[in-house]
Amino acid sequence: MKYLSIDYRSWPSGLGSIIDEEEYSNNRDTPDGKHNMTLISYEGCGIPNNQYFRDTVYFECPGEFEDIFDDIIKLLKERGVTHVYDSERWFDGNGDWRKPKDGYFPLEDWIAISREKPS
């Protein structure tokens, strides 16, 4: 499975990391010692080239996070991400039929939940 692991508290690193389980389980780090995953960061939450990750995708964000949400979704789909591990949405999702047992949301469910406005 390839998934985005959200880390709401990872400032200044970024939003989270794209992890390919098969690739990561074989080699946690690259030969040059970087984490074998892709970091997603944006203006105000991360730097353009984080030296500790194999790859960093950095988004310019002149306004609110919602302004780059569609770009992040496009990236996730282009990279073949199928799930999002989001422990906070999982914890807050009491009663939501889309709440997975393990915190790994199918990408389309996570997108839909993320777009919903709180009541």
N, C-alpha and C. Protein backbone atom coordinates (compact mmCIF):
# COMPACT_ATOMS: atom_id res chain seq x y z
N MET A 1 0.86 -1.18 0.00
CA MET A 1 0.00 0.00 0.00
C MET A 1 0.90 1.24 0.00
N LYS A 2 0.47 2.24 -0.73
CA LYS A 2 1.15 3.53 -0.73
C LYS A 2 0.20 4.52 -0.08
N TYR A 3 0.69 5.22 0.96
CA TYR A 3 -0.20 6.10 1.70
C TYR A 3 0.50 7.39 2.11
N LEU A 4 -0.33 8.39 2.41
CA LEU A 4 0.14 9.63 3.00
C LEU A 4 -0.06 9.51 4.50
N SER A 5 0.99 9.69 5.26
CA SER A 5 0.89 9.71 6.72
C SER A 5 0.89 11.17 7.16
N ILE A 6 -0.28 11.63 7.60
CA ILE A 6 -0.44 13.02 8.03
C ILE A 6 0.22 13.21 9.38
N ASP A 7 0.90 14.34 9.54
CA ASP A 7 1.49 14.68 10.83
C ASP A 7 1.18 16.14 11.10
N TYR A 8 0.11 16.37 11.83
CA TYR A 8 -0.33 17.74 12.09
C TYR A 8 0.65 18.51 12.96
N ARG A 9 1.54 17.81 13.64
CA ARG A 9 2.47 18.47 14.55
C ARG A 9 3.90 18.45 14.03
N SER A 10 4.08 18.27 12.73
CA SER A 10 5.44 18.10 12.22
C SER A 10 6.14 19.40 11.87
N TRP A 11 5.54 20.56 12.13
CA TRP A 11 6.21 21.80 11.85
C TRP A 11 7.56 21.78 12.53
N PRO A 12 8.66 22.15 11.91
CA PRO A 12 8.69 22.81 10.62
C PRO A 12 8.85 21.87 9.43
N SER A 13 8.74 20.57 9.64
CA SER A 13 8.99 19.64 8.54
C SER A 13 7.95 19.73 7.44
N GLY A 14 6.68 19.59 7.74
CA GLY A 14 5.68 19.64 6.70
C GLY A 14 4.37 19.01 7.10
N LEU A 15 3.56 18.74 6.09
CA LEU A 15 2.23 18.18 6.27
C LEU A 15 2.26 16.70 6.61
N GLY A 16 3.15 15.97 5.99
CA GLY A 16 3.23 14.53 6.20
C GLY A 16 4.11 13.90 5.13
N SER A 17 4.12 12.58 5.11
CA SER A 17 5.02 11.85 4.21
C SER A 17 4.27 10.82 3.39
N ILE A 18 4.66 10.69 2.12
CA ILE A 18 4.16 9.61 1.28
C ILE A 18 5.08 8.42 1.50
N ILE A 19 4.47 7.30 1.88
CA ILE A 19 5.24 6.10 2.19
C ILE A 19 4.73 4.95 1.34
N ASP A 20 5.64 4.29 0.66
CA ASP A 20 5.34 3.07 -0.07
C ASP A 20 5.77 1.93 0.84
N GLU A 21 4.80 1.21 1.41
CA GLU A 21 5.11 0.18 2.40
C GLU A 21 6.15 -0.83 1.91
N GLU A 22 5.99 -1.29 0.69
CA GLU A 22 6.92 -2.29 0.17
C GLU A 22 8.33 -1.73 0.07
N GLU A 23 8.44 -0.55 -0.50
CA GLU A 23 9.74 0.09 -0.66
C GLU A 23 10.36 0.42 0.70
N TYR A 24 9.54 0.93 1.61
CA TYR A 24 10.03 1.36 2.93
C TYR A 24 10.42 0.17 3.79
N SER A 25 9.66 -0.93 3.69
CA SER A 25 9.98 -2.09 4.52
C SER A 25 11.28 -2.75 4.07
N ASN A 26 11.64 -2.63 2.80
CA ASN A 26 12.89 -3.19 2.30
C ASN A 26 14.08 -2.32 2.67
N ASN A 27 13.91 -1.01 2.65
CA ASN A 27 15.01 -0.07 2.95
C ASN A 27 14.43 1.16 3.62
N ARG A 28 14.56 1.25 4.93
CA ARG A 28 14.03 2.42 5.66
C ARG A 28 14.74 3.71 5.26
N ASP A 29 16.00 3.58 4.88
CA ASP A 29 16.77 4.76 4.48
C ASP A 29 17.43 4.51 3.13
N THR A 30 17.69 5.59 2.42
CA THR A 30 18.39 5.51 1.14
C THR A 30 19.88 5.29 1.42
N PRO A 31 20.66 4.91 0.41
CA PRO A 31 22.10 4.71 0.64
C PRO A 31 22.82 5.94 1.21
N ASP A 32 22.29 7.14 0.94
CA ASP A 32 22.93 8.34 1.49
C ASP A 32 22.35 8.76 2.84
N GLY A 33 21.56 7.86 3.46
CA GLY A 33 21.07 8.08 4.82
C GLY A 33 19.80 8.88 4.98
N LYS A 34 19.10 9.18 3.89
CA LYS A 34 17.84 9.92 3.98
C LYS A 34 16.68 8.95 4.20
N HIS A 35 15.60 9.46 4.81
CA HIS A 35 14.39 8.65 4.98
C HIS A 35 13.86 8.28 3.60
N ASN A 36 13.50 7.03 3.40
CA ASN A 36 13.04 6.55 2.10
C ASN A 36 11.54 6.83 1.94
N MET A 37 11.22 8.12 1.90
CA MET A 37 9.83 8.56 1.74
C MET A 37 9.85 9.99 1.19
N THR A 38 8.69 10.44 0.73
CA THR A 38 8.55 11.79 0.18
C THR A 38 7.84 12.67 1.19
N LEU A 39 8.46 13.77 1.55
CA LEU A 39 7.86 14.74 2.46
C LEU A 39 7.03 15.73 1.66
N ILE A 40 5.84 16.05 2.15
CA ILE A 40 5.03 17.12 1.56
C ILE A 40 5.05 18.28 2.54
N SER A 41 5.49 19.43 2.07
CA SER A 41 5.51 20.61 2.92
C SER A 41 4.97 21.80 2.15
N TYR A 42 4.67 22.86 2.87
CA TYR A 42 4.13 24.05 2.23
C TYR A 42 4.58 25.28 3.00
N GLU A 43 4.45 26.41 2.38
CA GLU A 43 4.86 27.68 2.97
C GLU A 43 4.23 27.84 4.35
N GLY A 44 5.07 28.08 5.33
CA GLY A 44 4.57 28.21 6.70
C GLY A 44 4.61 26.89 7.45
N CYS A 45 4.85 25.81 6.75
CA CYS A 45 4.90 24.48 7.39
C CYS A 45 5.91 23.62 6.64
N GLY A 46 7.15 23.99 6.74
CA GLY A 46 8.19 23.20 6.09
C GLY A 46 9.09 24.05 5.22
N ILE A 47 10.11 23.38 4.71
CA ILE A 47 11.09 24.04 3.85
C ILE A 47 11.09 23.35 2.49
N PRO A 48 11.58 24.03 1.44
CA PRO A 48 11.54 23.44 0.10
C PRO A 48 12.36 22.16 -0.06
N ASN A 49 13.49 22.05 0.59
CA ASN A 49 14.33 20.86 0.42
C ASN A 49 14.79 20.36 1.78
N ASN A 50 14.01 19.47 2.36
CA ASN A 50 14.37 18.91 3.66
C ASN A 50 15.45 17.85 3.46
N GLN A 51 16.59 18.05 4.05
CA GLN A 51 17.75 17.19 3.83
C GLN A 51 17.58 15.77 4.37
N TYR A 52 16.57 15.53 5.20
CA TYR A 52 16.42 14.22 5.82
C TYR A 52 15.52 13.27 5.03
N PHE A 53 14.91 13.75 3.95
CA PHE A 53 14.00 12.94 3.15
C PHE A 53 14.55 12.73 1.75
N ARG A 54 14.23 11.58 1.17
CA ARG A 54 14.65 11.25 -0.19
C ARG A 54 14.18 12.31 -1.17
N ASP A 55 12.98 12.82 -0.92
CA ASP A 55 12.33 13.73 -1.86
C ASP A 55 11.42 14.66 -1.05
N THR A 56 11.35 15.92 -1.46
CA THR A 56 10.43 16.86 -0.83
C THR A 56 9.62 17.54 -1.92
N VAL A 57 8.30 17.58 -1.73
CA VAL A 57 7.43 18.35 -2.61
C VAL A 57 6.96 19.54 -1.78
N TYR A 58 7.28 20.73 -2.25
CA TYR A 58 6.98 21.95 -1.52
C TYR A 58 5.98 22.79 -2.30
N PHE A 59 4.92 23.19 -1.63
CA PHE A 59 3.88 24.02 -2.25
C PHE A 59 3.98 25.45 -1.74
N GLU A 60 3.94 26.40 -2.67
CA GLU A 60 3.81 27.80 -2.29
C GLU A 60 2.37 27.98 -1.82
N CYS A 61 2.17 28.68 -0.72
CA CYS A 61 0.83 28.81 -0.16
C CYS A 61 0.61 30.25 0.28
N PRO A 62 0.21 31.11 -0.66
CA PRO A 62 0.06 32.53 -0.33
C PRO A 62 -1.11 32.83 0.59
N GLY A 63 -2.06 31.91 0.71
CA GLY A 63 -3.24 32.16 1.54
C GLY A 63 -3.42 31.07 2.58
N GLU A 64 -4.56 30.45 2.55
CA GLU A 64 -4.90 29.39 3.49
C GLU A 64 -4.53 28.03 2.92
N PHE A 65 -4.41 27.04 3.80
CA PHE A 65 -4.10 25.68 3.38
C PHE A 65 -5.11 25.18 2.34
N GLU A 66 -6.38 25.56 2.51
CA GLU A 66 -7.42 25.13 1.58
C GLU A 66 -7.12 25.55 0.15
N ASP A 67 -6.31 26.61 -0.01
CA ASP A 67 -5.96 27.10 -1.34
C ASP A 67 -5.08 26.13 -2.12
N ILE A 68 -4.37 25.24 -1.42
CA ILE A 68 -3.49 24.28 -2.10
C ILE A 68 -4.00 22.85 -1.97
N PHE A 69 -5.16 22.66 -1.33
CA PHE A 69 -5.68 21.31 -1.11
C PHE A 69 -5.85 20.54 -2.41
N ASP A 70 -6.42 21.16 -3.43
CA ASP A 70 -6.61 20.47 -4.71
C ASP A 70 -5.27 20.08 -5.34
N ASP A 71 -4.26 20.91 -5.18
CA ASP A 71 -2.93 20.58 -5.70
C ASP A 71 -2.33 19.38 -4.97
N ILE A 72 -2.56 19.32 -3.67
CA ILE A 72 -2.07 18.18 -2.89
C ILE A 72 -2.78 16.90 -3.32
N ILE A 73 -4.09 16.97 -3.52
CA ILE A 73 -4.85 15.80 -3.98
C ILE A 73 -4.33 15.33 -5.34
N LYS A 74 -4.09 16.26 -6.23
CA LYS A 74 -3.56 15.92 -7.55
C LYS A 74 -2.22 15.19 -7.42
N LEU A 75 -1.35 15.70 -6.56
CA LEU A 75 -0.05 15.07 -6.33
C LEU A 75 -0.22 13.65 -5.80
N LEU A 76 -1.10 13.48 -4.82
CA LEU A 76 -1.30 12.15 -4.23
C LEU A 76 -1.76 11.16 -5.29
N LYS A 77 -2.68 11.58 -6.13
CA LYS A 77 -3.16 10.69 -7.19
C LYS A 77 -2.07 10.39 -8.20
N GLU A 78 -1.29 11.41 -8.57
CA GLU A 78 -0.19 11.20 -9.52
C GLU A 78 0.86 10.24 -8.97
N ARG A 79 1.06 10.26 -7.67
CA ARG A 79 2.06 9.40 -7.03
C ARG A 79 1.51 8.02 -6.68
N GLY A 80 0.25 7.78 -6.99
CA GLY A 80 -0.33 6.46 -6.75
C GLY A 80 -0.72 6.18 -5.31
N VAL A 81 -0.96 7.23 -4.53
CA VAL A 81 -1.37 7.07 -3.14
C VAL A 81 -2.81 6.54 -3.11
N THR A 82 -3.03 5.49 -2.32
CA THR A 82 -4.36 4.89 -2.24
C THR A 82 -5.05 5.14 -0.90
N HIS A 83 -4.27 5.49 0.13
CA HIS A 83 -4.83 5.67 1.47
C HIS A 83 -4.15 6.86 2.15
N VAL A 84 -4.81 7.34 3.20
CA VAL A 84 -4.24 8.39 4.04
C VAL A 84 -4.36 7.93 5.48
N TYR A 85 -3.22 7.87 6.17
CA TYR A 85 -3.24 7.58 7.60
C TYR A 85 -3.37 8.91 8.33
N ASP A 86 -4.54 9.12 8.95
CA ASP A 86 -4.85 10.38 9.61
C ASP A 86 -5.44 10.06 10.97
N SER A 87 -4.59 9.97 11.97
CA SER A 87 -5.03 9.55 13.30
C SER A 87 -6.01 10.56 13.92
N GLU A 88 -5.86 11.83 13.63
CA GLU A 88 -6.76 12.80 14.23
C GLU A 88 -8.16 12.74 13.62
N ARG A 89 -8.25 12.62 12.30
CA ARG A 89 -9.58 12.46 11.68
C ARG A 89 -10.20 11.13 12.12
N TRP A 90 -9.36 10.12 12.28
CA TRP A 90 -9.87 8.82 12.74
C TRP A 90 -10.44 8.96 14.14
N PHE A 91 -9.72 9.63 15.02
CA PHE A 91 -10.16 9.80 16.40
C PHE A 91 -11.45 10.62 16.46
N ASP A 92 -11.55 11.64 15.62
CA ASP A 92 -12.71 12.52 15.62
C ASP A 92 -13.90 11.95 14.86
N GLY A 93 -13.74 10.81 14.20
CA GLY A 93 -14.78 10.30 13.30
C GLY A 93 -15.81 9.39 13.93
N ASN A 94 -16.12 9.57 15.18
CA ASN A 94 -17.11 8.70 15.84
C ASN A 94 -18.43 8.74 15.10
N GLY A 95 -18.92 7.58 14.75
CA GLY A 95 -20.21 7.47 14.09
C GLY A 95 -20.16 7.64 12.58
N ASP A 96 -19.05 8.05 12.03
CA ASP A 96 -18.94 8.21 10.58
C ASP A 96 -18.72 6.83 9.96
N TRP A 97 -19.57 6.44 9.04
CA TRP A 97 -19.47 5.11 8.43
C TRP A 97 -18.17 4.91 7.66
N ARG A 98 -17.51 6.03 7.31
CA ARG A 98 -16.26 5.93 6.57
C ARG A 98 -15.06 5.72 7.48
N LYS A 99 -15.27 5.75 8.78
CA LYS A 99 -14.15 5.62 9.72
C LYS A 99 -13.57 4.21 9.65
N PRO A 100 -12.31 4.09 9.23
CA PRO A 100 -11.69 2.77 9.17
C PRO A 100 -11.31 2.29 10.56
N LYS A 101 -11.11 1.00 10.70
CA LYS A 101 -10.75 0.43 12.00
C LYS A 101 -9.31 0.76 12.39
N ASP A 102 -8.47 1.08 11.42
CA ASP A 102 -7.03 1.22 11.68
C ASP A 102 -6.47 2.62 11.43
N GLY A 103 -7.30 3.58 11.06
CA GLY A 103 -6.81 4.93 10.80
C GLY A 103 -6.39 5.18 9.36
N TYR A 104 -6.39 4.13 8.51
CA TYR A 104 -6.01 4.27 7.10
C TYR A 104 -7.27 4.49 6.27
N PHE A 105 -7.54 5.73 5.91
CA PHE A 105 -8.70 6.07 5.11
C PHE A 105 -8.42 5.82 3.64
N PRO A 106 -9.35 5.20 2.90
CA PRO A 106 -9.20 5.20 1.45
C PRO A 106 -9.11 6.66 0.99
N LEU A 107 -8.28 6.94 0.02
CA LEU A 107 -8.02 8.31 -0.40
C LEU A 107 -9.31 9.09 -0.67
N GLU A 108 -10.23 8.51 -1.43
CA GLU A 108 -11.45 9.24 -1.79
C GLU A 108 -12.31 9.56 -0.56
N ASP A 109 -12.35 8.67 0.42
CA ASP A 109 -13.09 8.95 1.66
C ASP A 109 -12.44 10.10 2.42
N TRP A 110 -11.11 10.07 2.51
CA TRP A 110 -10.39 11.14 3.21
C TRP A 110 -10.62 12.49 2.54
N ILE A 111 -10.61 12.50 1.22
CA ILE A 111 -10.86 13.75 0.49
C ILE A 111 -12.25 14.28 0.83
N ALA A 112 -13.26 13.40 0.78
CA ALA A 112 -14.63 13.82 1.05
C ALA A 112 -14.77 14.35 2.48
N ILE A 113 -14.20 13.65 3.44
CA ILE A 113 -14.29 14.07 4.84
C ILE A 113 -13.55 15.39 5.03
N SER A 114 -12.42 15.55 4.38
CA SER A 114 -11.63 16.77 4.52
C SER A 114 -12.33 17.98 3.94
N ARG A 115 -13.16 17.77 2.94
CA ARG A 115 -13.88 18.88 2.31
C ARG A 115 -15.14 19.28 3.08
N GLU A 116 -15.61 18.42 3.95
CA GLU A 116 -16.83 18.72 4.71
C GLU A 116 -16.59 19.84 5.69
N LYS A 117 -17.57 20.70 5.81
CA LYS A 117 -17.50 21.79 6.78
C LYS A 117 -18.02 21.29 8.11
N PRO A 118 -17.34 21.64 9.22
CA PRO A 118 -17.85 21.24 10.53
C PRO A 118 -19.21 21.86 10.78
N SER A 119 -20.05 21.11 11.47
CA SER A 119 -21.41 21.64 11.74
C SER A 119 -21.45 22.46 13.00
